[in-house]
Amino acid sequence: MNLFDLIVLLIIVITSVLFWRFRSMAEIANSHLTDYCERQNLQLLSVARSKTKLGSYRGKLDIHCEFTFEFSGNGEDSYSGVLSMVGSKILDLYTPAYRVH
């Protein structure tokens, strides 16, 4: 095994770990948004990761993600909200004023 093989192996491992981490964050965000919409009597329409960056939070290096989601309060109108996360921790959930039944 030469240096090139080790670098390729390292790239594969890092890519796999990042993919696993992004999927975990997406599942946590989707679960939280589903629960939030059920509690608020909203219909969750879609969820998508809109921003991703590497940064520090409280002295720890972690992944920062923003998820944009669409929801409806009356079944006819669509609104967009934003969920911010660092790692598996939810930092903020923003929803604009929306119309209900």
C-alpha atoms as a PDB file:
ATOM      1  CA  MET A   1       0.000   0.000   0.000  1.00  0.00           C
ATOM      2  CA  ASN A   2       1.516   3.301  -1.080  1.00  0.00           C
ATOM      3  CA  LEU A   3       0.735   6.920  -0.174  1.00  0.00           C
ATOM      4  CA  PHE A   4      -1.769   7.328  -3.016  1.00  0.00           C
ATOM      5  CA  ASP A   5      -3.785   4.333  -1.794  1.00  0.00           C
ATOM      6  CA  LEU A   6      -3.855   5.758   1.735  1.00  0.00           C
ATOM      7  CA  ILE A   7      -5.056   9.141   0.491  1.00  0.00           C
ATOM      8  CA  VAL A   8      -7.816   7.535  -1.583  1.00  0.00           C
ATOM      9  CA  LEU A   9      -8.866   5.422   1.401  1.00  0.00           C
ATOM     10  CA  LEU A  10      -8.898   8.500   3.648  1.00  0.00           C
ATOM     11  CA  ILE A  11     -11.070  10.405   1.154  1.00  0.00           C
ATOM     12  CA  ILE A  12     -13.525   7.498   0.983  1.00  0.00           C
ATOM     13  CA  VAL A  13     -13.732   7.278   4.783  1.00  0.00           C
ATOM     14  CA  ILE A  14     -14.232  11.045   5.204  1.00  0.00           C
ATOM     15  CA  THR A  15     -16.913  11.098   2.492  1.00  0.00           C
ATOM     16  CA  SER A  16     -18.728   8.185   4.131  1.00  0.00           C
ATOM     17  CA  VAL A  17     -18.623   9.798   7.587  1.00  0.00           C
ATOM     18  CA  LEU A  18     -19.917  13.123   6.223  1.00  0.00           C
ATOM     19  CA  PHE A  19     -22.719  11.376   4.322  1.00  0.00           C
ATOM     20  CA  TRP A  20     -23.732   9.500   7.480  1.00  0.00           C
ATOM     21  CA  ARG A  21     -23.657  12.747   9.507  1.00  0.00           C
ATOM     22  CA  PHE A  22     -25.738  14.674   6.946  1.00  0.00           C
ATOM     23  CA  ARG A  23     -28.322  11.880   6.829  1.00  0.00           C
ATOM     24  CA  SER A  24     -28.535  11.823  10.629  1.00  0.00           C
ATOM     25  CA  MET A  25     -29.065  15.590  10.748  1.00  0.00           C
ATOM     26  CA  ALA A  26     -31.727  15.416   8.024  1.00  0.00           C
ATOM     27  CA  GLU A  27     -33.619  12.693   9.901  1.00  0.00           C
ATOM     28  CA  ILE A  28     -33.526  14.703  13.147  1.00  0.00           C
ATOM     29  CA  ALA A  29     -34.733  17.841  11.338  1.00  0.00           C
ATOM     30  CA  ASN A  30     -37.521  15.966   9.568  1.00  0.00           C
ATOM     31  CA  SER A  31     -38.672  14.322  12.801  1.00  0.00           C
ATOM     32  CA  HIS A  32     -38.645  17.623  14.708  1.00  0.00           C
ATOM     33  CA  LEU A  33     -40.535  19.443  11.944  1.00  0.00           C
ATOM     34  CA  THR A  34     -43.133  16.676  11.705  1.00  0.00           C
ATOM     35  CA  ASP A  35     -43.755  16.874  15.462  1.00  0.00           C
ATOM     36  CA  TYR A  36     -43.842  20.689  15.372  1.00  0.00           C
ATOM     37  CA  CYS A  37     -46.375  20.767  12.530  1.00  0.00           C
ATOM     38  CA  GLU A  38     -48.595  18.193  14.263  1.00  0.00           C
ATOM     39  CA  ARG A  39     -48.586  20.239  17.500  1.00  0.00           C
ATOM     40  CA  GLN A  40     -49.422  23.447  15.611  1.00  0.00           C
ATOM     41  CA  ASN A  41     -52.071  21.767  13.385  1.00  0.00           C
ATOM     42  CA  LEU A  42     -50.048  22.473  10.250  1.00  0.00           C
ATOM     43  CA  GLN A  43     -49.443  20.369   7.175  1.00  0.00           C
ATOM     44  CA  LEU A  44     -45.733  19.789   6.449  1.00  0.00           C
ATOM     45  CA  LEU A  45     -45.205  19.890   2.681  1.00  0.00           C
ATOM     46  CA  SER A  46     -41.454  19.555   2.123  1.00  0.00           C
ATOM     47  CA  VAL A  47     -38.046  19.744   3.817  1.00  0.00           C
ATOM     48  CA  ALA A  48     -34.703  20.495   2.141  1.00  0.00           C
ATOM     49  CA  ARG A  49     -31.218  21.313   3.401  1.00  0.00           C
ATOM     50  CA  SER A  50     -30.430  24.808   2.118  1.00  0.00           C
ATOM     51  CA  LYS A  51     -27.095  25.715   3.766  1.00  0.00           C
ATOM     52  CA  THR A  52     -24.228  23.655   5.115  1.00  0.00           C
ATOM     53  CA  LYS A  53     -20.947  24.849   6.592  1.00  0.00           C
ATOM     54  CA  LEU A  54     -18.260  23.680   8.959  1.00  0.00           C
ATOM     55  CA  GLY A  55     -17.756  25.858  12.017  1.00  0.00           C
ATOM     56  CA  SER A  56     -17.279  25.914  15.750  1.00  0.00           C
ATOM     57  CA  TYR A  57     -20.053  26.017  18.316  1.00  0.00           C
ATOM     58  CA  ARG A  58     -19.125  26.446  21.978  1.00  0.00           C
ATOM     59  CA  GLY A  59     -15.520  25.560  21.192  1.00  0.00           C
ATOM     60  CA  LYS A  60     -16.373  22.362  19.311  1.00  0.00           C
ATOM     61  CA  LEU A  61     -15.918  21.868  15.573  1.00  0.00           C
ATOM     62  CA  ASP A  62     -19.195  20.719  14.037  1.00  0.00           C
ATOM     63  CA  ILE A  63     -21.459  20.984  11.003  1.00  0.00           C
ATOM     64  CA  HIS A  64     -23.931  23.886  10.802  1.00  0.00           C
ATOM     65  CA  CYS A  65     -27.014  23.260   8.643  1.00  0.00           C
ATOM     66  CA  GLU A  66     -30.111  25.201   7.718  1.00  0.00           C
ATOM     67  CA  PHE A  67     -33.182  23.369   6.512  1.00  0.00           C
ATOM     68  CA  THR A  68     -35.882  25.190   4.574  1.00  0.00           C
ATOM     69  CA  PHE A  69     -39.335  23.701   4.921  1.00  0.00           C
ATOM     70  CA  GLU A  70     -42.741  24.438   3.451  1.00  0.00           C
ATOM     71  CA  PHE A  71     -45.963  24.133   5.381  1.00  0.00           C
ATOM     72  CA  SER A  72     -49.620  25.039   5.103  1.00  0.00           C
ATOM     73  CA  GLY A  73     -51.980  26.283   7.787  1.00  0.00           C
ATOM     74  CA  ASN A  74     -55.206  25.926   5.829  1.00  0.00           C
ATOM     75  CA  GLY A  75     -54.423  23.432   3.071  1.00  0.00           C
ATOM     76  CA  GLU A  76     -54.451  26.083   0.331  1.00  0.00           C
ATOM     77  CA  ASP A  77     -51.549  28.450   1.037  1.00  0.00           C
ATOM     78  CA  SER A  78     -47.875  27.538   1.278  1.00  0.00           C
ATOM     79  CA  TYR A  79     -45.337  29.192   3.593  1.00  0.00           C
ATOM     80  CA  SER A  80     -41.588  28.721   4.037  1.00  0.00           C
ATOM     81  CA  GLY A  81     -39.780  28.379   7.354  1.00  0.00           C
ATOM     82  CA  VAL A  82     -36.183  27.777   8.413  1.00  0.00           C
ATOM     83  CA  LEU A  83     -34.741  25.315  10.940  1.00  0.00           C
ATOM     84  CA  SER A  84     -31.122  25.891  12.067  1.00  0.00           C
ATOM     85  CA  MET A  85     -28.995  23.074  13.503  1.00  0.00           C
ATOM     86  CA  VAL A  86     -25.475  22.474  14.776  1.00  0.00           C
ATOM     87  CA  GLY A  87     -24.658  18.791  14.870  1.00  0.00           C
ATOM     88  CA  SER A  88     -27.750  17.098  16.286  1.00  0.00           C
ATOM     89  CA  LYS A  89     -28.833  20.182  18.276  1.00  0.00           C
ATOM     90  CA  ILE A  90     -31.636  22.413  17.027  1.00  0.00           C
ATOM     91  CA  LEU A  91     -30.765  26.081  17.490  1.00  0.00           C
ATOM     92  CA  ASP A  92     -33.702  27.947  15.970  1.00  0.00           C
ATOM     93  CA  LEU A  93     -37.010  27.414  14.210  1.00  0.00           C
ATOM     94  CA  TYR A  94     -38.493  30.320  12.268  1.00  0.00           C
ATOM     95  CA  THR A  95     -41.982  30.396  10.776  1.00  0.00           C
ATOM     96  CA  PRO A  96     -43.589  33.501   9.294  1.00  0.00           C
ATOM     97  CA  ALA A  97     -47.095  34.597  10.224  1.00  0.00           C
ATOM     98  CA  TYR A  98     -49.523  32.259   8.468  1.00  0.00           C
ATOM     99  CA  ARG A  99     -53.243  31.941   7.935  1.00  0.00           C
ATOM    100  CA  VAL A 100     -55.146  29.087   9.580  1.00  0.00           C
ATOM    101  CA  HIS A 101     -58.560  27.585   8.853  1.00  0.00           C
END
